[in-house]
Amino acid sequence: LAHGNVSPRLIARECRRYEEERVENKSTYWVVFELLWRDYFKFFAKKHGDRIFYLSGTLGKESTHVNKRKWGMDPKHIQAWMDGMTGYPLVDANMRELKATGFMSNRGRQNICSFLTIDMNMDWRYGGDYFEETLLDYDVHSNWGNWASGAGMTGGRMNRFNVVKQSKDYDMGGDYVRLWCPELKNVPDKFVHEPWKMSDILMEECECKVGPGRDYPSPIVDPNVTPKIMNNGRGGGGRGGRGRGRGGKQGGRGGSGGRGNRNNERNNGNSNRGRGQRQDMKSLKTGSYKFE
């Protein structure tokens, strides 16, 4: 799509044909859904022009919007984020994969954006610029529109991703973070998403000492402190305030944990998923769009 080798309408038609001939499922729904968001950001960029590149986004310099804030520009922190050395395994794994392959999953992009702009409070344009430089599927409208939106610079409610919880939800066994962060290969599942919680003795046993200048870095931001921008009770949103998103950049609704055995069973045994993460097709609304 980004290189013009395939038409979005062709993809949408093929999804519709697959649904009619085989099965309609979450995967086909989300492929078409993302195509629609791709179009949305093209129109969004057409409307707002180069404001999607401004620090204040489409809010404007003089805006008093609640999402406006003073941004950090610490080059060491930004470099640690780029290098996958933040001390947060999910963030680090995604950033290392991006550097090595030019690819990052959609969920990864949402978590990465949230972490840089909300948890670290770094100038969101560094993220947009780095993605432009490294992504093989870079698309100017989707990239800058999503970054501005994820940073809260398009209005609406901001959506902060809890990267530790997301890591537990979607990489329960730690296979992904161990693949890209081999320092964590011997860390038990219980601590692989929060290695800083290991005791010194366990670090010795795992051959993974956490801390400055050691095998794996300490968290770049305190995991026990809520970012200042979130202290006034906002949450949810993303992509210009489209509601709570999808199970989770926009995205995760996650809840605060399981609610009894029945819920855990419905969530495939993953006790980290809350009841807000609905299963199967229950959370999906049928669209009225048609592709000829």
C-alpha atoms as a PDB file:
ATOM      1  CA  LEU A   1       0.000   0.000   0.000  1.00  0.00           C
ATOM      2  CA  ALA A   2       2.668   2.499   1.003  1.00  0.00           C
ATOM      3  CA  HIS A   3       4.570   1.935  -2.232  1.00  0.00           C
ATOM      4  CA  GLY A   4       1.504   1.894  -4.473  1.00  0.00           C
ATOM      5  CA  ASN A   5       1.872  -1.753  -5.453  1.00  0.00           C
ATOM      6  CA  VAL A   6      -1.629  -2.737  -4.400  1.00  0.00           C
ATOM      7  CA  SER A   7      -4.941  -0.887  -4.250  1.00  0.00           C
ATOM      8  CA  PRO A   8      -6.798  -0.497  -0.939  1.00  0.00           C
ATOM      9  CA  ARG A   9     -10.036  -1.197  -2.790  1.00  0.00           C
ATOM     10  CA  LEU A  10      -8.636  -4.499  -4.049  1.00  0.00           C
ATOM     11  CA  ILE A  11      -7.742  -5.521  -0.499  1.00  0.00           C
ATOM     12  CA  ALA A  12     -11.191  -4.533   0.761  1.00  0.00           C
ATOM     13  CA  ARG A  13     -12.925  -6.439  -2.048  1.00  0.00           C
ATOM     14  CA  GLU A  14     -10.839  -9.528  -1.377  1.00  0.00           C
ATOM     15  CA  CYS A  15     -11.708  -9.354   2.312  1.00  0.00           C
ATOM     16  CA  ARG A  16     -15.384  -9.121   1.434  1.00  0.00           C
ATOM     17  CA  ARG A  17     -15.084 -12.073  -0.947  1.00  0.00           C
ATOM     18  CA  TYR A  18     -13.308 -14.106   1.711  1.00  0.00           C
ATOM     19  CA  GLU A  19     -16.077 -13.314   4.199  1.00  0.00           C
ATOM     20  CA  GLU A  20     -18.766 -14.389   1.732  1.00  0.00           C
ATOM     21  CA  GLU A  21     -17.025 -17.573   0.607  1.00  0.00           C
ATOM     22  CA  ARG A  22     -15.391 -18.677   3.853  1.00  0.00           C
ATOM     23  CA  VAL A  23     -15.824 -16.810   7.117  1.00  0.00           C
ATOM     24  CA  GLU A  24     -16.243 -13.318   8.549  1.00  0.00           C
ATOM     25  CA  ASN A  25     -13.943 -12.863  11.522  1.00  0.00           C
ATOM     26  CA  LYS A  26     -12.005 -10.305  13.563  1.00  0.00           C
ATOM     27  CA  SER A  27      -9.081 -10.388  11.153  1.00  0.00           C
ATOM     28  CA  THR A  28     -11.110  -9.437   8.087  1.00  0.00           C
ATOM     29  CA  TYR A  29     -12.922  -6.763  10.096  1.00  0.00           C
ATOM     30  CA  TRP A  30      -9.732  -5.106  11.263  1.00  0.00           C
ATOM     31  CA  VAL A  31      -8.044  -5.170   7.857  1.00  0.00           C
ATOM     32  CA  VAL A  32     -10.909  -3.158   6.358  1.00  0.00           C
ATOM     33  CA  PHE A  33     -11.158  -1.002   9.484  1.00  0.00           C
ATOM     34  CA  GLU A  34      -7.512  -0.006   9.145  1.00  0.00           C
ATOM     35  CA  LEU A  35      -7.985   0.777   5.456  1.00  0.00           C
ATOM     36  CA  LEU A  36     -10.717   3.207   6.451  1.00  0.00           C
ATOM     37  CA  TRP A  37      -8.435   4.847   9.024  1.00  0.00           C
ATOM     38  CA  ARG A  38      -5.761   5.103   6.351  1.00  0.00           C
ATOM     39  CA  ASP A  39      -8.215   7.065   4.206  1.00  0.00           C
ATOM     40  CA  TYR A  40      -9.239   9.129   7.228  1.00  0.00           C
ATOM     41  CA  PHE A  41      -5.705  10.365   7.785  1.00  0.00           C
ATOM     42  CA  LYS A  42      -5.322  11.275   4.127  1.00  0.00           C
ATOM     43  CA  PHE A  43      -8.390  13.517   4.395  1.00  0.00           C
ATOM     44  CA  PHE A  44      -7.177  14.730   7.799  1.00  0.00           C
ATOM     45  CA  ALA A  45      -3.853  15.809   6.275  1.00  0.00           C
ATOM     46  CA  LYS A  46      -5.646  17.414   3.340  1.00  0.00           C
ATOM     47  CA  LYS A  47      -7.718  19.485   5.754  1.00  0.00           C
ATOM     48  CA  HIS A  48      -4.974  20.528   8.165  1.00  0.00           C
ATOM     49  CA  GLY A  49      -1.983  20.740   5.818  1.00  0.00           C
ATOM     50  CA  ASP A  50       1.441  21.150   7.403  1.00  0.00           C
ATOM     51  CA  ARG A  51      -0.044  21.608  10.872  1.00  0.00           C
ATOM     52  CA  ILE A  52       0.282  17.833  11.313  1.00  0.00           C
ATOM     53  CA  PHE A  53       4.034  18.488  11.608  1.00  0.00           C
ATOM     54  CA  TYR A  54       3.796  21.265  14.224  1.00  0.00           C
ATOM     55  CA  LEU A  55       4.640  20.629  17.866  1.00  0.00           C
ATOM     56  CA  SER A  56       1.170  21.841  18.829  1.00  0.00           C
ATOM     57  CA  GLY A  57      -0.396  19.710  16.098  1.00  0.00           C
ATOM     58  CA  THR A  58      -3.815  20.764  14.918  1.00  0.00           C
ATOM     59  CA  LEU A  59      -4.567  22.284  18.334  1.00  0.00           C
ATOM     60  CA  GLY A  60      -2.617  25.408  17.410  1.00  0.00           C
ATOM     61  CA  LYS A  61      -0.021  27.423  19.319  1.00  0.00           C
ATOM     62  CA  GLU A  62      -2.547  29.546  21.184  1.00  0.00           C
ATOM     63  CA  SER A  63      -4.752  26.650  22.189  1.00  0.00           C
ATOM     64  CA  THR A  64      -5.566  26.171  25.871  1.00  0.00           C
ATOM     65  CA  HIS A  65      -6.580  22.553  25.299  1.00  0.00           C
ATOM     66  CA  VAL A  66      -6.039  20.293  28.292  1.00  0.00           C
ATOM     67  CA  ASN A  67      -3.630  18.122  26.289  1.00  0.00           C
ATOM     68  CA  LYS A  68      -1.170  20.971  25.718  1.00  0.00           C
ATOM     69  CA  ARG A  69       2.022  20.639  27.736  1.00  0.00           C
ATOM     70  CA  LYS A  70       5.699  21.485  27.896  1.00  0.00           C
ATOM     71  CA  TRP A  71       7.634  18.821  26.023  1.00  0.00           C
ATOM     72  CA  GLY A  72      10.944  17.262  26.995  1.00  0.00           C
ATOM     73  CA  MET A  73      13.813  17.056  24.513  1.00  0.00           C
ATOM     74  CA  ASP A  74      16.468  15.059  26.384  1.00  0.00           C
ATOM     75  CA  PRO A  75      18.704  13.624  23.602  1.00  0.00           C
ATOM     76  CA  LYS A  76      19.915  10.787  25.841  1.00  0.00           C
ATOM     77  CA  HIS A  77      16.359   9.679  26.582  1.00  0.00           C
ATOM     78  CA  ILE A  78      15.393   9.898  22.926  1.00  0.00           C
ATOM     79  CA  GLN A  79      18.436   7.881  21.910  1.00  0.00           C
ATOM     80  CA  ALA A  80      17.673   5.230  24.544  1.00  0.00           C
ATOM     81  CA  TRP A  81      14.154   4.971  23.101  1.00  0.00           C
ATOM     82  CA  MET A  82      15.515   4.623  19.555  1.00  0.00           C
ATOM     83  CA  ASP A  83      18.043   1.989  20.617  1.00  0.00           C
ATOM     84  CA  GLY A  84      15.550  -0.094  22.589  1.00  0.00           C
ATOM     85  CA  MET A  85      17.264   0.613  25.903  1.00  0.00           C
ATOM     86  CA  THR A  86      14.423   2.044  27.994  1.00  0.00           C
ATOM     87  CA  GLY A  87      14.290  -0.789  30.520  1.00  0.00           C
ATOM     88  CA  TYR A  88      10.740  -1.675  29.455  1.00  0.00           C
ATOM     89  CA  PRO A  89      10.931  -5.004  27.567  1.00  0.00           C
ATOM     90  CA  LEU A  90       7.929  -4.467  25.276  1.00  0.00           C
ATOM     91  CA  VAL A  91       9.171  -1.041  24.215  1.00  0.00           C
ATOM     92  CA  ASP A  92      12.736  -2.243  23.765  1.00  0.00           C
ATOM     93  CA  ALA A  93      11.751  -5.349  21.798  1.00  0.00           C
ATOM     94  CA  ASN A  94       9.646  -3.339  19.362  1.00  0.00           C
ATOM     95  CA  MET A  95      12.298  -0.682  18.859  1.00  0.00           C
ATOM     96  CA  ARG A  96      15.010  -3.259  18.256  1.00  0.00           C
ATOM     97  CA  GLU A  97      12.811  -5.087  15.768  1.00  0.00           C
ATOM     98  CA  LEU A  98      12.165  -1.808  13.949  1.00  0.00           C
ATOM     99  CA  LYS A  99      15.859  -0.983  13.751  1.00  0.00           C
ATOM    100  CA  ALA A 100      16.743  -4.471  12.495  1.00  0.00           C
ATOM    101  CA  THR A 101      13.867  -5.046  10.052  1.00  0.00           C
ATOM    102  CA  GLY A 102      12.064  -1.795   9.271  1.00  0.00           C
ATOM    103  CA  PHE A 103       8.867  -3.370  10.607  1.00  0.00           C
ATOM    104  CA  MET A 104       6.753  -2.979  13.721  1.00  0.00           C
ATOM    105  CA  SER A 105       3.322  -4.414  14.444  1.00  0.00           C
ATOM    106  CA  ASN A 106       0.303  -2.154  14.726  1.00  0.00           C
ATOM    107  CA  ARG A 107      -0.025  -2.809  18.459  1.00  0.00           C
ATOM    108  CA  GLY A 108       3.666  -2.168  18.887  1.00  0.00           C
ATOM    109  CA  ARG A 109       3.369   1.197  17.157  1.00  0.00           C
ATOM    110  CA  GLN A 110       0.541   2.214  19.447  1.00  0.00           C
ATOM    111  CA  ASN A 111       2.446   1.274  22.599  1.00  0.00           C
ATOM    112  CA  ILE A 112       5.657   2.886  21.375  1.00  0.00           C
ATOM    113  CA  CYS A 113       3.898   6.155  20.554  1.00  0.00           C
ATOM    114  CA  SER A 114       2.130   6.259  23.903  1.00  0.00           C
ATOM    115  CA  PHE A 115       5.322   5.527  25.813  1.00  0.00           C
ATOM    116  CA  LEU A 116       7.450   8.190  24.119  1.00  0.00           C
ATOM    117  CA  THR A 117       4.849  10.952  24.185  1.00  0.00           C
ATOM    118  CA  ILE A 118       3.054  10.313  27.473  1.00  0.00           C
ATOM    119  CA  ASP A 119       5.293   8.283  29.797  1.00  0.00           C
ATOM    120  CA  MET A 120       8.546   9.900  28.659  1.00  0.00           C
ATOM    121  CA  ASN A 121       6.898  13.195  27.611  1.00  0.00           C
ATOM    122  CA  MET A 122       9.382  13.654  24.769  1.00  0.00           C
ATOM    123  CA  ASP A 123       8.607  15.855  21.767  1.00  0.00           C
ATOM    124  CA  TRP A 124       6.357  13.582  19.700  1.00  0.00           C
ATOM    125  CA  ARG A 125       7.923  14.751  16.433  1.00  0.00           C
ATOM    126  CA  TYR A 126      11.085  12.790  17.237  1.00  0.00           C
ATOM    127  CA  GLY A 127       8.933   9.677  17.059  1.00  0.00           C
ATOM    128  CA  GLY A 128       7.286  10.668  13.799  1.00  0.00           C
ATOM    129  CA  ASP A 129      10.666  11.526  12.274  1.00  0.00           C
ATOM    130  CA  TYR A 130      12.282   8.266  13.393  1.00  0.00           C
ATOM    131  CA  PHE A 131       9.411   6.204  12.011  1.00  0.00           C
ATOM    132  CA  GLU A 132       9.668   8.112   8.722  1.00  0.00           C
ATOM    133  CA  GLU A 133      13.347   7.225   8.608  1.00  0.00           C
ATOM    134  CA  THR A 134      13.049   3.533   9.485  1.00  0.00           C
ATOM    135  CA  LEU A 135       9.644   2.091   8.518  1.00  0.00           C
ATOM    136  CA  LEU A 136       9.558   0.188   5.246  1.00  0.00           C
ATOM    137  CA  ASP A 137       5.816   0.859   4.955  1.00  0.00           C
ATOM    138  CA  TYR A 138       6.070   4.539   5.848  1.00  0.00           C
ATOM    139  CA  ASP A 139       3.053   6.578   4.760  1.00  0.00           C
ATOM    140  CA  VAL A 140       3.251  10.309   5.417  1.00  0.00           C
ATOM    141  CA  HIS A 141      -0.424  10.811   6.278  1.00  0.00           C
ATOM    142  CA  SER A 142      -0.878   7.761   8.511  1.00  0.00           C
ATOM    143  CA  ASN A 143       2.474   8.235  10.216  1.00  0.00           C
ATOM    144  CA  TRP A 144       2.206  11.893  11.158  1.00  0.00           C
ATOM    145  CA  GLY A 145      -1.533  11.795  11.753  1.00  0.00           C
ATOM    146  CA  ASN A 146      -1.186   8.880  14.152  1.00  0.00           C
ATOM    147  CA  TRP A 147       1.754  10.418  15.994  1.00  0.00           C
ATOM    148  CA  ALA A 148       0.002  13.756  16.431  1.00  0.00           C
ATOM    149  CA  SER A 149      -3.126  11.977  17.578  1.00  0.00           C
ATOM    150  CA  GLY A 150      -1.301   9.609  19.941  1.00  0.00           C
ATOM    151  CA  ALA A 151       0.401  12.609  21.531  1.00  0.00           C
ATOM    152  CA  GLY A 152      -2.979  14.262  22.076  1.00  0.00           C
ATOM    153  CA  MET A 153      -2.237  17.061  19.634  1.00  0.00           C
ATOM    154  CA  THR A 154      -5.398  16.610  17.578  1.00  0.00           C
ATOM    155  CA  GLY A 155      -7.824  17.122  20.459  1.00  0.00           C
ATOM    156  CA  GLY A 156     -10.114  14.547  21.973  1.00  0.00           C
ATOM    157  CA  ARG A 157      -9.126  12.309  24.830  1.00  0.00           C
ATOM    158  CA  MET A 158      -5.626  10.946  25.162  1.00  0.00           C
ATOM    159  CA  ASN A 159      -5.114   7.230  25.472  1.00  0.00           C
ATOM    160  CA  ARG A 160      -2.188   6.088  27.550  1.00  0.00           C
ATOM    161  CA  PHE A 161      -1.101   2.490  27.065  1.00  0.00           C
ATOM    162  CA  ASN A 162       0.098   0.610  30.120  1.00  0.00           C
ATOM    163  CA  VAL A 163       3.038  -1.035  28.375  1.00  0.00           C
ATOM    164  CA  VAL A 164       3.647  -3.556  31.167  1.00  0.00           C
ATOM    165  CA  LYS A 165       0.056  -4.738  31.103  1.00  0.00           C
ATOM    166  CA  GLN A 166       0.003  -4.771  27.309  1.00  0.00           C
ATOM    167  CA  SER A 167       3.149  -6.884  27.370  1.00  0.00           C
ATOM    168  CA  LYS A 168       1.544  -9.384  29.718  1.00  0.00           C
ATOM    169  CA  ASP A 169      -1.691  -9.411  27.725  1.00  0.00           C
ATOM    170  CA  TYR A 170      -0.208 -10.005  24.310  1.00  0.00           C
ATOM    171  CA  ASP A 171       3.102 -11.730  25.054  1.00  0.00           C
ATOM    172  CA  MET A 172       2.090 -13.702  28.104  1.00  0.00           C
ATOM    173  CA  GLY A 173       4.964 -16.199  27.883  1.00  0.00           C
ATOM    174  CA  GLY A 174       7.524 -13.550  27.006  1.00  0.00           C
ATOM    175  CA  ASP A 175       8.557 -15.163  23.716  1.00  0.00           C
ATOM    176  CA  TYR A 176       8.562 -11.895  21.778  1.00  0.00           C
ATOM    177  CA  VAL A 177      10.520  -9.833  24.292  1.00  0.00           C
ATOM    178  CA  ARG A 178      13.066 -12.637  24.746  1.00  0.00           C
ATOM    179  CA  LEU A 179      13.552 -12.845  20.970  1.00  0.00           C
ATOM    180  CA  TRP A 180      14.555  -9.187  20.650  1.00  0.00           C
ATOM    181  CA  CYS A 181      15.998  -8.714  24.137  1.00  0.00           C
ATOM    182  CA  PRO A 182      18.211 -11.792  24.541  1.00  0.00           C
ATOM    183  CA  GLU A 183      19.507 -10.404  27.847  1.00  0.00           C
ATOM    184  CA  LEU A 184      16.174 -11.588  29.270  1.00  0.00           C
ATOM    185  CA  LYS A 185      16.392 -15.158  27.944  1.00  0.00           C
ATOM    186  CA  ASN A 186      16.839 -16.722  31.395  1.00  0.00           C
ATOM    187  CA  VAL A 187      14.468 -14.432  33.263  1.00  0.00           C
ATOM    188  CA  PRO A 188      11.393 -16.296  34.629  1.00  0.00           C
ATOM    189  CA  ASP A 189       8.018 -15.539  33.053  1.00  0.00           C
ATOM    190  CA  LYS A 190       6.919 -13.827  36.251  1.00  0.00           C
ATOM    191  CA  PHE A 191       9.561 -11.123  35.822  1.00  0.00           C
ATOM    192  CA  VAL A 192      10.244 -11.040  32.080  1.00  0.00           C
ATOM    193  CA  HIS A 193       7.933  -8.046  31.603  1.00  0.00           C
ATOM    194  CA  GLU A 194       9.154  -6.323  34.780  1.00  0.00           C
ATOM    195  CA  PRO A 195      12.779  -7.431  35.229  1.00  0.00           C
ATOM    196  CA  TRP A 196      13.494  -4.592  37.658  1.00  0.00           C
ATOM    197  CA  LYS A 197      11.410  -6.453  40.247  1.00  0.00           C
ATOM    198  CA  MET A 198      13.886  -9.319  40.480  1.00  0.00           C
ATOM    199  CA  SER A 199      15.966  -9.668  43.622  1.00  0.00           C
ATOM    200  CA  ASP A 200      19.750  -9.392  43.374  1.00  0.00           C
ATOM    201  CA  ILE A 201      20.019 -13.122  44.005  1.00  0.00           C
ATOM    202  CA  LEU A 202      17.607 -13.949  41.188  1.00  0.00           C
ATOM    203  CA  MET A 203      19.448 -11.575  38.856  1.00  0.00           C
ATOM    204  CA  GLU A 204      22.626 -13.515  39.571  1.00  0.00           C
ATOM    205  CA  GLU A 205      20.885 -16.822  38.889  1.00  0.00           C
ATOM    206  CA  CYS A 206      19.403 -15.521  35.622  1.00  0.00           C
ATOM    207  CA  GLU A 207      22.653 -13.895  34.553  1.00  0.00           C
ATOM    208  CA  CYS A 208      20.716 -10.705  33.947  1.00  0.00           C
ATOM    209  CA  LYS A 209      21.620  -7.831  36.225  1.00  0.00           C
ATOM    210  CA  VAL A 210      19.358  -4.816  35.891  1.00  0.00           C
ATOM    211  CA  GLY A 211      20.729  -1.317  36.326  1.00  0.00           C
ATOM    212  CA  PRO A 212      22.938   1.365  34.778  1.00  0.00           C
ATOM    213  CA  GLY A 213      25.894  -0.196  32.973  1.00  0.00           C
ATOM    214  CA  ARG A 214      24.662  -3.719  33.677  1.00  0.00           C
ATOM    215  CA  ASP A 215      23.116  -6.392  31.452  1.00  0.00           C
ATOM    216  CA  TYR A 216      19.757  -4.650  31.049  1.00  0.00           C
ATOM    217  CA  PRO A 217      18.901  -1.016  31.837  1.00  0.00           C
ATOM    218  CA  SER A 218      16.735   0.209  34.695  1.00  0.00           C
ATOM    219  CA  PRO A 219      13.361   1.703  33.685  1.00  0.00           C
ATOM    220  CA  ILE A 220      13.928   5.071  32.051  1.00  0.00           C
ATOM    221  CA  VAL A 221      10.835   6.405  33.838  1.00  0.00           C
ATOM    222  CA  ASP A 222       9.548   5.309  37.227  1.00  0.00           C
ATOM    223  CA  PRO A 223       6.968   2.522  36.674  1.00  0.00           C
ATOM    224  CA  ASN A 224       5.179   3.506  39.891  1.00  0.00           C
ATOM    225  CA  VAL A 225       4.534   7.111  38.891  1.00  0.00           C
ATOM    226  CA  THR A 226       1.610   8.177  36.698  1.00  0.00           C
ATOM    227  CA  PRO A 227       2.639  10.706  34.026  1.00  0.00           C
ATOM    228  CA  LYS A 228       1.684  14.263  34.984  1.00  0.00           C
ATOM    229  CA  ILE A 229      -0.440  14.770  31.895  1.00  0.00           C
ATOM    230  CA  MET A 230      -2.734  11.926  33.021  1.00  0.00           C
ATOM    231  CA  ASN A 231      -3.246  13.183  36.569  1.00  0.00           C
ATOM    232  CA  ASN A 232      -6.408  15.103  35.755  1.00  0.00           C
ATOM    233  CA  GLY A 233      -8.482  11.998  35.175  1.00  0.00           C
ATOM    234  CA  ARG A 234      -8.312  11.640  31.421  1.00  0.00           C
ATOM    235  CA  GLY A 235      -8.063   8.335  29.650  1.00  0.00           C
ATOM    236  CA  GLY A 236      -9.290   6.441  26.644  1.00  0.00           C
ATOM    237  CA  GLY A 237      -9.501   7.922  23.206  1.00  0.00           C
ATOM    238  CA  GLY A 238      -6.708   7.952  20.704  1.00  0.00           C
ATOM    239  CA  ARG A 239      -6.796   8.724  17.002  1.00  0.00           C
ATOM    240  CA  GLY A 240      -8.472  12.050  17.572  1.00  0.00           C
ATOM    241  CA  GLY A 241     -10.894  10.835  20.221  1.00  0.00           C
ATOM    242  CA  ARG A 242     -12.601   7.841  18.677  1.00  0.00           C
ATOM    243  CA  GLY A 243     -13.619   6.335  21.967  1.00  0.00           C
ATOM    244  CA  ARG A 244     -11.871   3.614  23.860  1.00  0.00           C
ATOM    245  CA  GLY A 245     -10.258   2.017  20.853  1.00  0.00           C
ATOM    246  CA  ARG A 246      -9.786  -1.611  20.199  1.00  0.00           C
ATOM    247  CA  GLY A 247      -8.907  -3.791  22.994  1.00  0.00           C
ATOM    248  CA  GLY A 248      -6.229  -2.173  24.468  1.00  0.00           C
ATOM    249  CA  LYS A 249      -2.558   3.998  20.103  1.00  0.00           C
ATOM    250  CA  GLN A 250      -4.712   4.232  20.421  1.00  0.00           C
ATOM    251  CA  GLY A 251      -6.148   0.896  21.334  1.00  0.00           C
ATOM    252  CA  GLY A 252      -6.173  -0.974  24.564  1.00  0.00           C
ATOM    253  CA  ARG A 253      -8.952  -1.012  27.056  1.00  0.00           C
ATOM    254  CA  GLY A 254      -7.417  -3.720  29.089  1.00  0.00           C
ATOM    255  CA  GLY A 255      -9.278  -3.269  32.387  1.00  0.00           C
ATOM    256  CA  SER A 256      -7.363  -3.787  35.580  1.00  0.00           C
ATOM    257  CA  GLY A 257      -7.078  -7.529  35.628  1.00  0.00           C
ATOM    258  CA  GLY A 258      -9.159 -10.671  35.535  1.00  0.00           C
ATOM    259  CA  ARG A 259     -12.388 -11.043  37.396  1.00  0.00           C
ATOM    260  CA  GLY A 260     -12.727 -14.563  38.610  1.00  0.00           C
ATOM    261  CA  ASN A 261     -12.205 -17.899  36.916  1.00  0.00           C
ATOM    262  CA  ARG A 262     -15.022 -17.510  34.412  1.00  0.00           C
ATOM    263  CA  ASN A 263     -13.402 -14.438  32.934  1.00  0.00           C
ATOM    264  CA  ASN A 264      -9.988 -16.044  32.894  1.00  0.00           C
ATOM    265  CA  GLU A 265     -11.336 -19.031  30.998  1.00  0.00           C
ATOM    266  CA  ARG A 266     -12.952 -16.762  28.431  1.00  0.00           C
ATOM    267  CA  ASN A 267      -9.606 -15.004  28.005  1.00  0.00           C
ATOM    268  CA  ASN A 268      -7.726 -18.194  27.128  1.00  0.00           C
ATOM    269  CA  GLY A 269      -6.230 -18.551  30.575  1.00  0.00           C
ATOM    270  CA  ASN A 270      -4.551 -15.161  30.541  1.00  0.00           C
ATOM    271  CA  SER A 271      -5.433 -13.614  33.887  1.00  0.00           C
ATOM    272  CA  ASN A 272      -3.984 -10.278  32.789  1.00  0.00           C
ATOM    273  CA  ARG A 273      -6.867  -9.571  30.446  1.00  0.00           C
ATOM    274  CA  GLY A 274      -9.812  -7.753  31.928  1.00  0.00           C
ATOM    275  CA  ARG A 275     -13.453  -8.064  31.077  1.00  0.00           C
ATOM    276  CA  GLY A 276     -13.183  -4.892  29.010  1.00  0.00           C
ATOM    277  CA  GLN A 277     -11.403  -6.908  26.350  1.00  0.00           C
ATOM    278  CA  ARG A 278     -14.375  -8.577  24.716  1.00  0.00           C
ATOM    279  CA  GLN A 279     -13.940 -11.804  22.872  1.00  0.00           C
ATOM    280  CA  ASP A 280     -14.597 -12.926  19.316  1.00  0.00           C
ATOM    281  CA  MET A 281     -16.942 -10.668  17.338  1.00  0.00           C
ATOM    282  CA  LYS A 282     -18.911  -9.248  20.259  1.00  0.00           C
ATOM    283  CA  SER A 283     -17.142  -5.878  20.248  1.00  0.00           C
ATOM    284  CA  LEU A 284     -17.279  -5.401  16.500  1.00  0.00           C
ATOM    285  CA  LYS A 285     -19.944  -3.294  14.841  1.00  0.00           C
ATOM    286  CA  THR A 286     -21.027  -4.052  11.310  1.00  0.00           C
ATOM    287  CA  GLY A 287     -20.134  -1.226   8.968  1.00  0.00           C
ATOM    288  CA  SER A 288     -22.389   0.144   6.260  1.00  0.00           C
ATOM    289  CA  TYR A 289     -19.568   0.532   3.744  1.00  0.00           C
ATOM    290  CA  LYS A 290     -19.576  -1.345   0.446  1.00  0.00           C
ATOM    291  CA  PHE A 291     -16.825  -1.804  -2.101  1.00  0.00           C
ATOM    292  CA  GLU A 292     -17.730  -2.201  -5.735  1.00  0.00           C
END
